[in-house]
Protein backbone atom coordinates (compact mmCIF):
# COMPACT_ATOMS: atom_id res chain seq x y z
CA MET A 1 -12.40 66.27 91.34
CA LYS A 2 -11.87 67.43 87.76
CA LYS A 3 -9.57 64.48 87.24
CA ILE A 4 -12.32 62.08 88.51
CA LEU A 5 -14.77 63.62 86.17
CA VAL A 6 -12.47 63.22 83.24
CA LEU A 7 -11.84 59.61 84.10
CA ILE A 8 -15.63 59.08 84.31
CA VAL A 9 -16.05 60.63 80.92
CA ILE A 10 -13.30 58.59 79.40
CA PHE A 11 -14.72 55.34 80.98
CA LEU A 12 -18.12 56.06 79.70
CA ALA A 13 -16.84 56.84 76.08
CA MET A 14 -14.90 53.57 76.12
CA PHE A 15 -17.90 51.65 77.39
CA LEU A 16 -20.18 53.25 74.80
CA SER A 17 -17.63 52.51 71.97
CA PHE A 18 -17.37 48.82 73.06
CA TYR A 19 -21.19 48.60 73.27
CA VAL A 20 -21.62 50.03 69.67
CA TYR A 21 -18.77 47.68 68.45
CA LEU A 22 -20.54 44.65 69.81
CA ASN A 23 -23.86 45.48 68.31
CA LEU A 24 -22.41 46.14 64.94
CA ASN A 25 -20.77 42.90 65.10
CA TYR A 26 -23.67 40.76 66.36
CA GLU A 27 -24.02 37.43 64.48
CA THR A 28 -26.79 34.90 64.77
CA PRO A 29 -25.01 31.96 66.49
CA ILE A 30 -24.68 28.78 64.38
CA LEU A 31 -23.64 26.15 66.77
CA MET A 32 -21.38 23.32 65.70
CA TYR A 33 -21.29 19.74 67.14
CA HIS A 34 -19.49 16.74 66.05
CA SER A 35 -19.43 13.55 68.30
CA LEU A 36 -21.66 12.95 71.38
CA ASP A 37 -19.66 10.33 73.07
CA ALA A 38 -18.84 10.43 76.90
CA ALA A 39 -15.79 8.28 76.24
CA ARG A 40 -14.15 11.00 74.01
CA VAL A 41 -14.88 14.19 75.92
CA ASP A 42 -11.06 14.90 76.17
CA SER A 43 -11.28 15.36 72.38
CA TYR A 44 -12.25 18.73 71.20
CA VAL A 45 -14.85 17.36 68.97
CA ALA A 46 -16.89 15.34 71.58
CA VAL A 47 -19.64 16.25 74.06
CA ASP A 48 -21.07 13.86 76.71
CA PRO A 49 -24.76 13.14 75.77
CA LYS A 50 -25.82 14.26 79.24
CA VAL A 51 -24.12 17.56 78.77
CA PHE A 52 -25.76 17.88 75.28
CA SER A 53 -29.01 17.35 76.88
CA LYS A 54 -28.46 19.91 79.59
CA GLN A 55 -27.34 22.39 76.76
CA MET A 56 -30.53 21.81 74.82
CA GLU A 57 -32.63 22.08 78.04
CA TYR A 58 -31.01 25.49 78.63
CA ILE A 59 -31.74 26.63 75.14
CA ALA A 60 -35.38 25.64 75.44
CA LYS A 61 -35.79 26.91 78.97
CA HIS A 62 -34.41 30.44 78.23
CA ARG A 63 -36.54 30.63 75.15
CA TYR A 64 -34.03 30.82 72.39
CA LYS A 65 -35.58 30.77 69.02
CA VAL A 66 -34.01 27.76 67.25
CA ILE A 67 -34.61 27.81 63.40
CA SER A 68 -33.34 25.52 60.76
CA LEU A 69 -30.15 26.32 58.89
CA ARG A 70 -32.15 26.59 55.82
CA ASP A 71 -34.56 29.04 57.21
CA TYR A 72 -31.59 31.01 58.37
CA CYS A 73 -29.95 31.17 54.97
CA GLN A 74 -33.27 32.03 53.35
CA ALA A 75 -33.52 35.01 55.75
CA LEU A 76 -30.09 36.17 54.76
CA LYS A 77 -30.94 35.83 51.19
CA ASP A 78 -34.09 37.79 51.55
CA GLY A 79 -32.40 40.48 53.70
CA ARG A 80 -34.78 39.74 56.64
CA ARG A 81 -33.72 40.58 60.15
CA LEU A 82 -33.96 37.94 62.83
CA PHE A 83 -34.96 38.06 66.46
CA ARG A 84 -31.81 38.62 68.60
CA LYS A 85 -32.09 35.27 70.46
CA THR A 86 -32.23 33.23 67.25
CA ILE A 87 -29.73 30.30 66.93
CA VAL A 88 -29.10 27.44 64.63
CA LEU A 89 -27.88 23.87 65.39
CA THR A 90 -25.64 21.89 63.21
CA PHE A 91 -23.65 18.62 63.44
CA ASP A 92 -20.75 17.62 61.21
CA ASP A 93 -19.73 14.16 60.08
CA GLY A 94 -22.71 12.03 60.66
CA HIS A 95 -21.17 10.12 63.63
CA GLY A 96 -23.11 7.08 64.77
CA ASP A 97 -23.31 8.54 68.32
CA ASN A 98 -25.51 11.39 66.94
CA LEU A 99 -28.36 8.96 67.32
CA VAL A 100 -28.69 10.14 70.87
CA ALA A 101 -29.46 13.63 69.78
CA PHE A 102 -32.63 12.68 67.78
CA PRO A 103 -34.87 11.97 70.61
CA ILE A 104 -33.60 15.03 72.79
CA LEU A 105 -34.22 17.32 69.79
CA ALA A 106 -37.57 15.72 69.22
CA GLU A 107 -38.75 16.10 72.76
CA LEU A 108 -37.75 19.78 72.90
CA ASP A 109 -39.00 20.38 69.36
CA LEU A 110 -35.72 21.89 68.15
CA PRO A 111 -34.65 21.77 64.54
CA ALA A 112 -31.02 20.81 63.50
CA THR A 113 -29.00 20.04 60.29
CA PHE A 114 -26.68 17.03 60.18
CA PHE A 115 -23.84 17.18 57.58
CA ILE A 116 -23.27 13.86 56.08
CA ILE A 117 -20.05 12.47 54.49
CA VAL A 118 -21.33 10.26 51.65
CA ASP A 119 -18.64 7.71 51.74
CA LYS A 120 -19.02 7.24 55.47
CA LEU A 121 -22.57 6.19 55.27
CA ASN A 122 -23.13 2.71 56.84
CA SER A 123 -19.50 2.60 57.92
CA PRO A 124 -18.54 1.59 61.66
CA GLY A 125 -18.92 4.50 63.79
CA TYR A 126 -21.25 6.45 61.34
CA LEU A 127 -24.78 6.74 60.90
CA SER A 128 -26.45 4.35 58.46
CA ARG A 129 -28.79 5.10 55.64
CA ALA A 130 -31.65 3.47 57.69
CA GLU A 131 -30.91 5.56 60.76
CA ILE A 132 -30.91 8.77 58.87
CA SER A 133 -34.14 7.87 57.09
CA GLN A 134 -35.75 7.25 60.37
CA ALA A 135 -34.48 10.58 61.76
CA LEU A 136 -35.78 12.46 58.83
CA ARG A 137 -39.32 11.34 59.70
CA ASN A 138 -39.04 14.28 62.19
CA PRO A 139 -39.55 17.28 59.92
CA LYS A 140 -37.40 19.41 62.16
CA ILE A 141 -34.42 17.31 61.13
CA SER A 142 -32.57 18.04 57.96
CA ILE A 143 -29.26 16.88 56.25
CA GLY A 144 -26.59 18.68 54.33
CA SER A 145 -23.44 17.69 52.43
CA HIS A 146 -20.10 17.32 54.08
CA THR A 147 -18.50 16.06 50.67
CA ILE A 148 -18.23 12.70 49.19
CA THR A 149 -14.83 11.76 50.86
CA GLU A 150 -14.35 14.54 53.47
CA ALA A 151 -11.84 16.16 51.09
CA TYR A 152 -10.31 19.44 52.07
CA LEU A 153 -11.52 21.69 49.25
CA PRO A 154 -9.15 24.57 48.90
CA GLY A 155 -6.97 23.92 45.84
CA LEU A 156 -9.35 21.53 44.26
CA LYS A 157 -10.61 22.43 40.80
CA GLY A 158 -12.59 20.96 37.85
CA ARG A 159 -14.04 17.60 38.05
CA GLU A 160 -12.40 16.80 41.38
CA LEU A 161 -14.19 19.85 43.04
CA SER A 162 -17.49 19.14 41.28
CA TYR A 163 -17.44 15.52 42.46
CA GLU A 164 -17.07 16.60 46.13
CA VAL A 165 -19.52 19.44 45.97
CA GLY A 166 -22.12 18.83 43.35
CA ASN A 167 -22.18 15.06 43.31
CA SER A 168 -22.43 14.74 47.13
CA LYS A 169 -25.56 16.77 46.83
CA ILE A 170 -27.06 14.67 44.07
CA VAL A 171 -26.24 11.41 45.88
CA LEU A 172 -27.84 12.50 49.09
CA GLU A 173 -30.89 13.78 47.32
CA ASN A 174 -31.27 10.52 45.59
CA LEU A 175 -30.69 8.35 48.79
CA PHE A 176 -33.09 10.26 51.01
CA SER A 177 -35.59 11.86 48.63
CA ARG A 178 -34.85 15.28 50.17
CA ASN A 179 -33.75 18.49 48.92
CA VAL A 180 -30.09 19.08 50.11
CA GLU A 181 -29.60 22.88 50.20
CA THR A 182 -26.73 23.18 52.59
CA MET A 183 -23.20 22.18 52.91
CA SER A 184 -20.36 22.10 55.42
CA TYR A 185 -16.62 22.51 54.40
CA THR A 186 -14.16 19.87 55.64
CA MET A 187 -12.02 21.63 58.44
CA GLY A 188 -13.93 24.85 57.38
CA GLY A 189 -11.62 25.42 54.49
CA TYR A 190 -12.52 26.98 51.32
CA ASP A 191 -11.30 29.29 48.50
CA GLN A 192 -12.93 31.33 45.74
CA GLU A 193 -13.21 28.27 43.47
CA THR A 194 -15.08 26.44 46.33
CA LEU A 195 -17.58 29.24 46.75
CA LYS A 196 -18.32 29.47 43.03
CA GLU A 197 -18.78 25.73 42.74
CA VAL A 198 -21.07 25.53 45.78
CA GLU A 199 -23.29 28.33 44.41
CA ALA A 200 -23.26 26.80 41.00
CA SER A 201 -24.30 23.38 42.41
CA GLY A 202 -27.40 24.91 43.64
CA TYR A 203 -26.85 25.12 47.42
CA LEU A 204 -28.60 27.76 49.39
CA CYS A 205 -25.65 28.24 51.73
CA ALA A 206 -22.62 26.68 53.21
CA CYS A 207 -20.79 26.60 56.63
CA THR A 208 -17.20 26.83 57.73
CA THR A 209 -16.01 26.17 61.18
CA ASN A 210 -14.76 29.28 62.93
CA ARG A 211 -12.84 30.49 59.96
CA GLY A 212 -13.71 33.80 58.05
CA LEU A 213 -12.66 37.30 58.30
CA SER A 214 -16.02 39.13 58.71
CA LYS A 215 -19.46 38.51 60.16
CA ASN A 216 -21.98 36.26 58.43
CA LEU A 217 -22.85 38.20 55.42
CA ASP A 218 -21.73 35.59 52.83
CA ARG A 219 -24.24 32.75 52.67
CA PHE A 220 -21.57 30.41 51.37
CA ALA A 221 -19.08 31.10 54.11
CA LEU A 222 -21.04 31.02 57.45
CA ARG A 223 -18.98 30.97 60.54
CA ARG A 224 -19.91 28.56 63.31
CA ILE A 225 -19.22 28.40 67.07
CA LYS A 226 -17.88 25.10 68.31
CA ILE A 227 -19.65 23.64 71.31
CA THR A 228 -17.49 21.60 73.82
CA ASN A 229 -18.17 19.54 76.86
CA ARG A 230 -17.29 22.53 78.93
CA ASP A 231 -20.03 24.79 77.65
CA LEU A 232 -22.54 25.09 80.42
CA GLY A 233 -23.69 28.07 82.43
CA ILE A 234 -21.74 31.25 81.63
CA ASN A 235 -19.80 29.50 78.98
CA LEU A 236 -22.85 28.42 77.12
CA TRP A 237 -24.57 31.87 77.53
CA ALA A 238 -21.54 33.67 76.06
CA LYS A 239 -21.59 31.43 72.88
CA LEU A 240 -25.33 32.06 72.55
CA SER A 241 -25.03 35.73 72.95
CA GLY A 242 -24.46 36.58 69.35
CA PHE A 243 -21.25 38.49 70.32
CA TYR A 244 -18.88 35.59 70.76
CA ASN A 245 -17.33 35.80 67.25
CA ALA A 246 -16.74 39.49 67.71
CA LEU A 247 -14.24 38.92 70.55
CA ARG A 248 -12.30 36.12 68.77
CA LYS A 249 -9.35 36.51 66.40
CA PRO A 250 -10.58 35.70 62.91
CA LYS A 251 -8.85 32.73 60.94
CA LYS A 252 -8.10 32.73 57.22
CA PRO A 253 -10.37 30.48 55.24
CA TYR A 254 -7.64 28.17 53.99
């Protein structure tokens, strides 16, 4: 009997420790999408538009509070705590098939940020300037920079780094008459020079992929959670829980 009591105490202590660990490592989930193309779902970057629609419906039905990336970053800057079921939606690269996302997001009144590669604008397979301008008529849609040429930023310095980081912001602001306050790093890579340049260029925050060694305390190195075609039901719930990153092995930022 005494052994059973000892085992129960040990189990409860382990459970309590795990519970405390999860709560200390809670992160507001920033979801990361790339392509929305049924023909490419075998790729790790593509989600079938029908699956995407179901994912957004799940988020709306279960009353997650979706806020813009800008609002999330401003809350971080101000030190404000957010509702536990808050999430953020982001899309990398500006693929042309992202067009299917706009009416779905509008119907469900969900904000999202689309990171644009400047040199890919109007290119085959990517969104055009006219398509982005049309999407921006919805005030819940915003754009951010994904560099000029989709360059991998670690190791870049001086004018080359400034061109990819600062100039991409200026070009997008001039093209779309919108403040561009957010950025996404190519392949999630960054180093200390990158972080300094991003802040000096006037960005409010920047996103990695799943890289980073700590929870989202640095506005210029925000970790995200990749959403795939398999993420429905329990998989999607886990990624929306706020504890998903706490259970993953962290990756170096470069």
